[in-house]
């Protein structure tokens, strides 16, 4: 009996040692909390590395076109574009294919991961919010669709497709996301 108990304890110690020494499983790093709004506080329009990487990755993975990142400092209003951490992904809300692309993206970033983390990719990417086809999906509202109308529009009928985000999907990142310092970028973006 003592020998069986001794063997069992040794086997358990070996298994425990292997589990503790095993490399971390991809995506098992601590996940970011739902981000709060981080508005533009200075003008630094140079495109940030995380924003550039994410924009090109989206176009390669899903299609659409790279619609741009930076906006000039002299243009009106507050915008994460003026800090190089907002990306406009050219998609047409009036096109069945582009609507399917946007839907696939939104479903993917909102998916719960194998660790039970809701909206896992959106949080790991550092997405504060995105705006698409008259709706805003913000982290502080759990990325649920909320009606959106730009403050520059009096009504939807007197508003351009651009201001209604019907010819692009706008994505605003946190400062860490813009720099590529959130967990989704680990191993994707050269941090050197």
Foldseek 3Di string as FASTA:
>chain_A
DVVVVVVVVVVVVVVVVCVVPDDDDQLPPDFAALDDDDWDDDFDQDAAPLQVLVQVVLCVVQNADFPAQADDPPDDDIDCNRVNFKTWGFAALVDPSSVVSVVVVLCVQQPQDPVRRGSRNCRQLQWQWKAAQQWIQGSVVSGDTDGHADPVDPDPVRDDCVRRRRRTMMTGGDPCSSNLNGSVSVVPDPND
